[in-house]
Amino acid sequence: MIFLFRIGFLEITWVDLIDIGLVSVLLYQLYKLIKGSIAFNIFFGILSLYLIYLIVRAAQMELLAKILGQFMGVGVLAMIILFQSEIRKFLLLIGRSAEINRDSIIKSINNLRGGYHSDFDVHQLMEGIKTLKITRTGALLVFSRDTEQKFYCETGDWLDAEVNKRLIISIFQKSSPLHDGAIIIYKGRILAARCVLPVSENDHLPPNFGLRHRSAIGMSETTDTLVMAISEETGRLILARNGKFLRGLKLKQVEQKILEYLHHAEPPKWDEVPIEPEPQEPEEVKAH
């Protein structure tokens, strides 16, 4: 190994610098993953307890060191139990990244053959959304451009039907047995309805966000999808992507965001826009 410099009795090499860099990246990703959730407080508590254990052991306080050592001995198992949801989310993110890289190669080949084409009838979709907003019908729609999201489709009822206004309205009517849950749209078809989505644990979401909105954001956190939630109380909607959400958009802007997502033309960053007063007419309702 190539020696770089010495700090006291420590000899620093290139391998040490790479090791420190990788650990820093890992800790930063861990911080981003648990930031804003109760898991952050638990992690900080465990870290504080470990630092106290090191101090106690260095001070040769035998009895207290032995007691704390028992906790440290089962530390890994305890962290797996306490952070099982965060670990699952982390593994989902890794799997999603691998899936995106694989699909990117396929999409590049398809683009070389003639570009991206979509059979998605956005006019029928927007007409259905407009009606849902006017009637203040709660709805949850998941748009997937790369994968069928079979795991989430299997939590509901398979339809494999063409996207059209009447079907969308019928699914989300309160008397419909399929209205409670989400529909998943892939390649211009509604694959399934009444699907169960993961709920976001972000503590910084607006207090008026209910389970439907939290499910939309939770789905966008764990999958490469665009998710729309329409409020049953106000008829307003949000668009969720990569854990971020947009609201305050007009229907024309919502249509543009959907098309950008389907054609891989979305901007590099999705940031929440400021809340703006919304008129009562659903056509003018804004969402992000």
Protein backbone atom coordinates (compact mmCIF):
# COMPACT_ATOMS: atom_id res chain seq x y z
CA MET A 1 0.00 0.00 0.00
CA ILE A 2 1.19 3.53 -0.81
CA PHE A 3 2.05 5.57 2.28
CA LEU A 4 0.77 9.18 2.15
CA PHE A 5 1.42 10.87 5.47
CA ARG A 6 1.51 10.28 9.20
CA ILE A 7 -0.69 11.68 12.00
CA GLY A 8 1.03 10.94 15.27
CA PHE A 9 1.59 7.21 15.26
CA LEU A 10 -0.99 6.62 12.49
CA GLU A 11 0.14 5.99 8.94
CA ILE A 12 -2.43 7.17 6.38
CA THR A 13 -2.65 5.42 2.99
CA TRP A 14 -4.89 5.75 -0.07
CA VAL A 15 -6.90 2.78 1.16
CA ASP A 16 -7.61 4.60 4.42
CA LEU A 17 -8.88 7.67 2.56
CA ILE A 18 -11.13 5.55 0.35
CA ASP A 19 -12.38 3.69 3.44
CA ILE A 20 -13.21 6.96 5.22
CA GLY A 21 -14.94 8.31 2.12
CA LEU A 22 -17.13 5.24 1.69
CA VAL A 23 -18.11 5.25 5.37
CA SER A 24 -18.99 8.96 5.10
CA VAL A 25 -21.24 8.31 2.11
CA LEU A 26 -22.89 5.38 3.89
CA LEU A 27 -23.57 7.44 7.03
CA TYR A 28 -24.95 10.31 4.93
CA GLN A 29 -27.33 7.97 3.08
CA LEU A 30 -28.39 6.48 6.42
CA TYR A 31 -29.07 9.98 7.74
CA LYS A 32 -31.20 10.85 4.69
CA LEU A 33 -33.12 7.60 5.07
CA ILE A 34 -34.12 8.07 8.71
CA LYS A 35 -34.25 11.89 8.83
CA GLY A 36 -37.63 13.17 9.94
CA SER A 37 -38.81 9.84 11.36
CA ILE A 38 -38.91 8.43 14.87
CA ALA A 39 -36.10 6.07 13.85
CA PHE A 40 -33.72 9.07 13.94
CA ASN A 41 -34.35 9.58 17.66
CA ILE A 42 -33.90 5.85 18.33
CA PHE A 43 -30.62 5.81 16.38
CA PHE A 44 -29.37 8.89 18.25
CA GLY A 45 -30.26 7.21 21.55
CA ILE A 46 -28.36 4.03 20.65
CA LEU A 47 -25.35 6.07 19.52
CA SER A 48 -25.38 8.07 22.77
CA LEU A 49 -25.55 4.86 24.80
CA TYR A 50 -22.57 3.46 22.88
CA LEU A 51 -20.50 6.61 23.52
CA ILE A 52 -21.34 6.40 27.24
CA TYR A 53 -20.22 2.75 27.19
CA LEU A 54 -16.86 3.74 25.67
CA ILE A 55 -16.35 6.45 28.30
CA VAL A 56 -17.30 4.12 31.15
CA ARG A 57 -14.99 1.42 29.89
CA ALA A 58 -12.11 3.89 29.47
CA ALA A 59 -12.70 5.08 33.05
CA GLN A 60 -12.54 1.43 34.20
CA MET A 61 -15.92 1.53 35.90
CA GLU A 62 -16.25 -2.23 35.99
CA LEU A 63 -19.85 -2.75 37.10
CA LEU A 64 -21.47 -0.14 34.82
CA ALA A 65 -19.26 -1.18 31.91
CA LYS A 66 -20.38 -4.80 32.32
CA ILE A 67 -24.08 -3.80 32.39
CA LEU A 68 -23.78 -1.60 29.31
CA GLY A 69 -21.67 -4.26 27.62
CA GLN A 70 -24.63 -6.64 27.76
CA PHE A 71 -26.67 -4.16 25.73
CA MET A 72 -23.83 -3.69 23.25
CA GLY A 73 -23.52 -7.47 22.86
CA VAL A 74 -26.99 -7.71 21.31
CA GLY A 75 -26.72 -4.33 19.59
CA VAL A 76 -26.83 -5.65 16.02
CA LEU A 77 -29.86 -7.84 16.67
CA ALA A 78 -31.64 -5.00 18.50
CA MET A 79 -31.00 -2.59 15.62
CA ILE A 80 -32.38 -5.09 13.09
CA ILE A 81 -35.57 -5.39 15.15
CA LEU A 82 -35.94 -1.66 15.82
CA PHE A 83 -35.08 -0.55 12.28
CA GLN A 84 -36.75 -3.31 10.31
CA SER A 85 -38.94 -0.90 8.32
CA GLU A 86 -35.98 1.39 7.55
CA ILE A 87 -33.82 -1.58 6.51
CA ARG A 88 -36.63 -2.79 4.26
CA LYS A 89 -36.91 0.67 2.70
CA PHE A 90 -33.13 0.80 2.19
CA LEU A 91 -33.12 -2.56 0.43
CA LEU A 92 -36.07 -1.47 -1.71
CA LEU A 93 -34.13 1.63 -2.76
CA ILE A 94 -31.11 -0.48 -3.71
CA GLY A 95 -33.33 -2.85 -5.68
CA ARG A 96 -35.04 0.07 -7.37
CA SER A 97 -31.70 1.56 -8.41
CA ALA A 98 -30.58 -1.75 -9.89
CA GLU A 99 -33.90 -2.07 -11.69
CA ILE A 100 -33.62 1.46 -13.10
CA ASN A 101 -30.09 0.77 -14.40
CA ARG A 102 -31.26 -2.41 -16.09
CA ASP A 103 -34.25 -0.71 -17.65
CA SER A 104 -32.13 2.25 -18.78
CA ILE A 105 -30.14 -0.06 -21.05
CA ILE A 106 -33.31 -1.48 -22.56
CA LYS A 107 -34.80 1.99 -23.02
CA SER A 108 -31.63 3.25 -24.71
CA ILE A 109 -31.83 0.40 -27.21
CA ASN A 110 -35.50 1.14 -27.87
CA ASN A 111 -34.78 4.83 -28.32
CA LEU A 112 -32.12 4.05 -30.90
CA ARG A 113 -34.67 1.98 -32.79
CA GLY A 114 -37.14 4.80 -33.10
CA GLY A 115 -37.68 6.69 -29.88
CA TYR A 116 -40.07 6.29 -27.02
CA HIS A 117 -43.71 5.71 -27.86
CA SER A 118 -46.61 5.58 -25.45
CA ASP A 119 -50.11 4.27 -26.00
CA PHE A 120 -51.27 6.29 -23.01
CA ASP A 121 -54.54 8.13 -23.75
CA VAL A 122 -53.90 11.18 -21.60
CA HIS A 123 -57.09 12.92 -22.82
CA GLN A 124 -59.31 10.17 -21.40
CA LEU A 125 -57.29 10.25 -18.19
CA MET A 126 -57.58 14.02 -17.73
CA GLU A 127 -61.30 13.95 -18.41
CA GLY A 128 -61.68 11.34 -15.68
CA ILE A 129 -59.52 13.35 -13.27
CA LYS A 130 -61.51 16.49 -14.00
CA THR A 131 -64.76 14.71 -13.14
CA LEU A 132 -63.28 13.27 -9.94
CA LYS A 133 -62.24 16.76 -8.87
CA ILE A 134 -65.62 18.29 -9.68
CA THR A 135 -67.47 15.63 -7.70
CA ARG A 136 -64.81 15.63 -4.94
CA THR A 137 -64.27 11.91 -5.27
CA GLY A 138 -61.19 10.59 -3.48
CA ALA A 139 -58.76 8.79 -5.77
CA LEU A 140 -55.26 7.36 -5.85
CA LEU A 141 -53.52 6.73 -9.20
CA VAL A 142 -50.06 5.23 -9.73
CA PHE A 143 -48.27 5.74 -13.08
CA SER A 144 -45.44 3.34 -13.83
CA ARG A 145 -43.42 3.69 -17.02
CA ASP A 146 -40.77 0.97 -16.61
CA THR A 147 -42.19 -1.93 -14.59
CA GLU A 148 -45.59 -3.47 -13.92
CA GLN A 149 -45.23 -3.11 -10.13
CA LYS A 150 -46.50 -6.68 -9.76
CA PHE A 151 -45.88 -6.75 -6.01
CA TYR A 152 -48.38 -3.93 -5.46
CA CYS A 153 -50.76 -5.15 -8.16
CA GLU A 154 -51.09 -8.43 -6.30
CA THR A 155 -52.38 -6.61 -3.21
CA GLY A 156 -55.48 -5.61 -5.19
CA ASP A 157 -57.64 -6.96 -8.00
CA TRP A 158 -56.27 -7.47 -11.51
CA LEU A 159 -58.15 -5.66 -14.28
CA ASP A 160 -55.78 -5.22 -17.27
CA ALA A 161 -58.19 -2.74 -18.86
CA GLU A 162 -57.67 0.19 -21.19
CA VAL A 163 -57.55 3.62 -19.56
CA ASN A 164 -60.79 5.51 -20.17
CA LYS A 165 -62.84 8.15 -18.42
CA ARG A 166 -65.85 5.99 -17.56
CA LEU A 167 -63.79 3.20 -16.02
CA ILE A 168 -61.76 5.58 -13.84
CA ILE A 169 -64.92 7.29 -12.57
CA SER A 170 -66.61 3.94 -11.92
CA ILE A 171 -63.68 2.54 -9.94
CA PHE A 172 -63.51 5.46 -7.52
CA GLN A 173 -67.23 5.87 -6.91
CA LYS A 174 -67.90 5.42 -3.20
CA SER A 175 -70.33 2.59 -3.87
CA SER A 176 -67.74 0.68 -5.92
CA PRO A 177 -66.03 -2.28 -4.19
CA LEU A 178 -62.77 -1.19 -5.90
CA HIS A 179 -62.66 2.43 -4.75
CA ASP A 180 -60.73 1.86 -1.53
CA GLY A 181 -57.11 1.77 -2.70
CA ALA A 182 -55.06 2.72 -5.73
CA ILE A 183 -55.13 1.89 -9.41
CA ILE A 184 -51.83 1.11 -11.15
CA ILE A 185 -51.45 2.31 -14.74
CA TYR A 186 -48.75 0.85 -16.98
CA LYS A 187 -48.38 1.23 -20.75
CA GLY A 188 -51.80 2.80 -21.17
CA ARG A 189 -53.63 0.11 -19.22
CA ILE A 190 -55.07 -0.10 -15.73
CA LEU A 191 -53.37 -3.24 -14.47
CA ALA A 192 -55.08 -3.45 -11.08
CA ALA A 193 -57.36 -1.60 -8.68
CA ARG A 194 -57.84 -1.57 -4.90
CA CYS A 195 -54.06 -1.84 -4.45
CA VAL A 196 -52.43 -1.24 -1.08
CA LEU A 197 -49.52 1.24 -1.10
CA PRO A 198 -46.80 1.83 1.52
CA VAL A 199 -47.47 4.80 3.81
CA SER A 200 -44.81 7.49 4.20
CA GLU A 201 -43.37 7.94 7.70
CA ASN A 202 -42.14 11.47 6.98
CA ASP A 203 -43.01 13.62 10.01
CA HIS A 204 -42.67 16.86 8.05
CA LEU A 205 -45.68 16.40 5.79
CA PRO A 206 -48.53 18.94 6.11
CA PRO A 207 -50.89 18.05 8.99
CA ASN A 208 -53.90 18.06 6.66
CA PHE A 209 -52.48 15.15 4.64
CA GLY A 210 -54.50 12.02 5.27
CA LEU A 211 -53.77 8.37 4.60
CA ARG A 212 -54.40 8.75 0.85
CA HIS A 213 -51.81 11.50 0.48
CA ARG A 214 -49.29 9.73 2.71
CA SER A 215 -49.72 6.58 0.64
CA ALA A 216 -49.03 8.53 -2.55
CA ILE A 217 -45.81 9.94 -1.12
CA GLY A 218 -44.84 6.59 0.41
CA MET A 219 -45.22 4.84 -2.95
CA SER A 220 -43.08 7.48 -4.64
CA GLU A 221 -40.38 7.00 -1.98
CA THR A 222 -39.98 3.28 -2.61
CA THR A 223 -40.66 2.99 -6.37
CA ASP A 224 -39.83 4.87 -9.54
CA THR A 225 -43.42 5.94 -10.10
CA LEU A 226 -45.51 9.09 -10.37
CA VAL A 227 -48.46 9.02 -7.98
CA MET A 228 -51.57 11.22 -7.90
CA ALA A 229 -53.88 11.63 -4.91
CA ILE A 230 -57.20 13.49 -5.08
CA SER A 231 -58.73 14.70 -1.83
CA GLU A 232 -62.22 13.53 -0.97
CA GLU A 233 -62.86 16.64 1.16
CA THR A 234 -61.63 19.40 -1.16
CA GLY A 235 -61.19 17.84 -4.60
CA ARG A 236 -57.60 19.11 -4.71
CA LEU A 237 -54.80 16.87 -5.88
CA ILE A 238 -51.09 16.34 -5.40
CA LEU A 239 -48.48 14.66 -7.55
CA ALA A 240 -45.77 12.69 -5.73
CA ARG A 241 -42.38 11.74 -7.13
CA ASN A 242 -39.27 10.47 -5.33
CA GLY A 243 -40.72 11.40 -1.94
CA LYS A 244 -41.45 14.99 -3.05
CA PHE A 245 -44.89 16.32 -3.83
CA LEU A 246 -46.33 19.10 -5.96
CA ARG A 247 -49.59 20.90 -5.42
CA GLY A 248 -51.13 24.09 -6.71
CA LEU A 249 -50.92 23.12 -10.40
CA LYS A 250 -53.63 23.61 -12.95
CA LEU A 251 -54.98 20.60 -14.79
CA LYS A 252 -52.96 21.52 -17.88
CA GLN A 253 -49.82 21.52 -15.76
CA VAL A 254 -50.78 18.17 -14.25
CA GLU A 255 -51.12 16.74 -17.76
CA GLN A 256 -47.70 18.15 -18.65
CA LYS A 257 -46.08 16.54 -15.59
CA ILE A 258 -47.59 13.16 -16.47
CA LEU A 259 -46.34 13.38 -20.06
CA GLU A 260 -42.90 14.48 -18.91
CA TYR A 261 -42.71 11.45 -16.63
CA LEU A 262 -43.87 9.03 -19.32
CA HIS A 263 -41.43 10.41 -21.89
CA HIS A 264 -38.46 10.68 -19.49
CA ALA A 265 -38.41 14.46 -19.92
CA GLU A 266 -38.90 15.52 -16.31
CA PRO A 267 -36.62 18.14 -14.71
CA PRO A 268 -33.64 16.89 -12.66
CA LYS A 269 -35.14 18.02 -9.34
CA TRP A 270 -38.68 17.86 -7.99
CA ASP A 271 -39.11 20.44 -5.26
CA GLU A 272 -42.27 21.32 -3.42
CA VAL A 273 -43.83 24.56 -4.63
CA PRO A 274 -45.27 27.11 -2.17
CA ILE A 275 -48.91 26.66 -1.21
CA GLU A 276 -51.11 29.01 -3.18
CA PRO A 277 -54.76 29.93 -2.61
CA GLU A 278 -56.95 27.76 -4.79
CA PRO A 279 -60.29 28.77 -6.29
CA GLN A 280 -63.32 26.60 -5.73
CA GLU A 281 -63.67 25.61 -9.40
CA PRO A 282 -61.96 22.24 -9.89
CA GLU A 283 -60.63 23.30 -13.31
CA GLU A 284 -58.45 25.89 -11.61
CA VAL A 285 -57.35 23.70 -8.70
CA LYS A 286 -53.58 23.49 -8.42
CA ALA A 287 -51.40 20.62 -7.35
CA HIS A 288 -47.73 19.63 -7.38
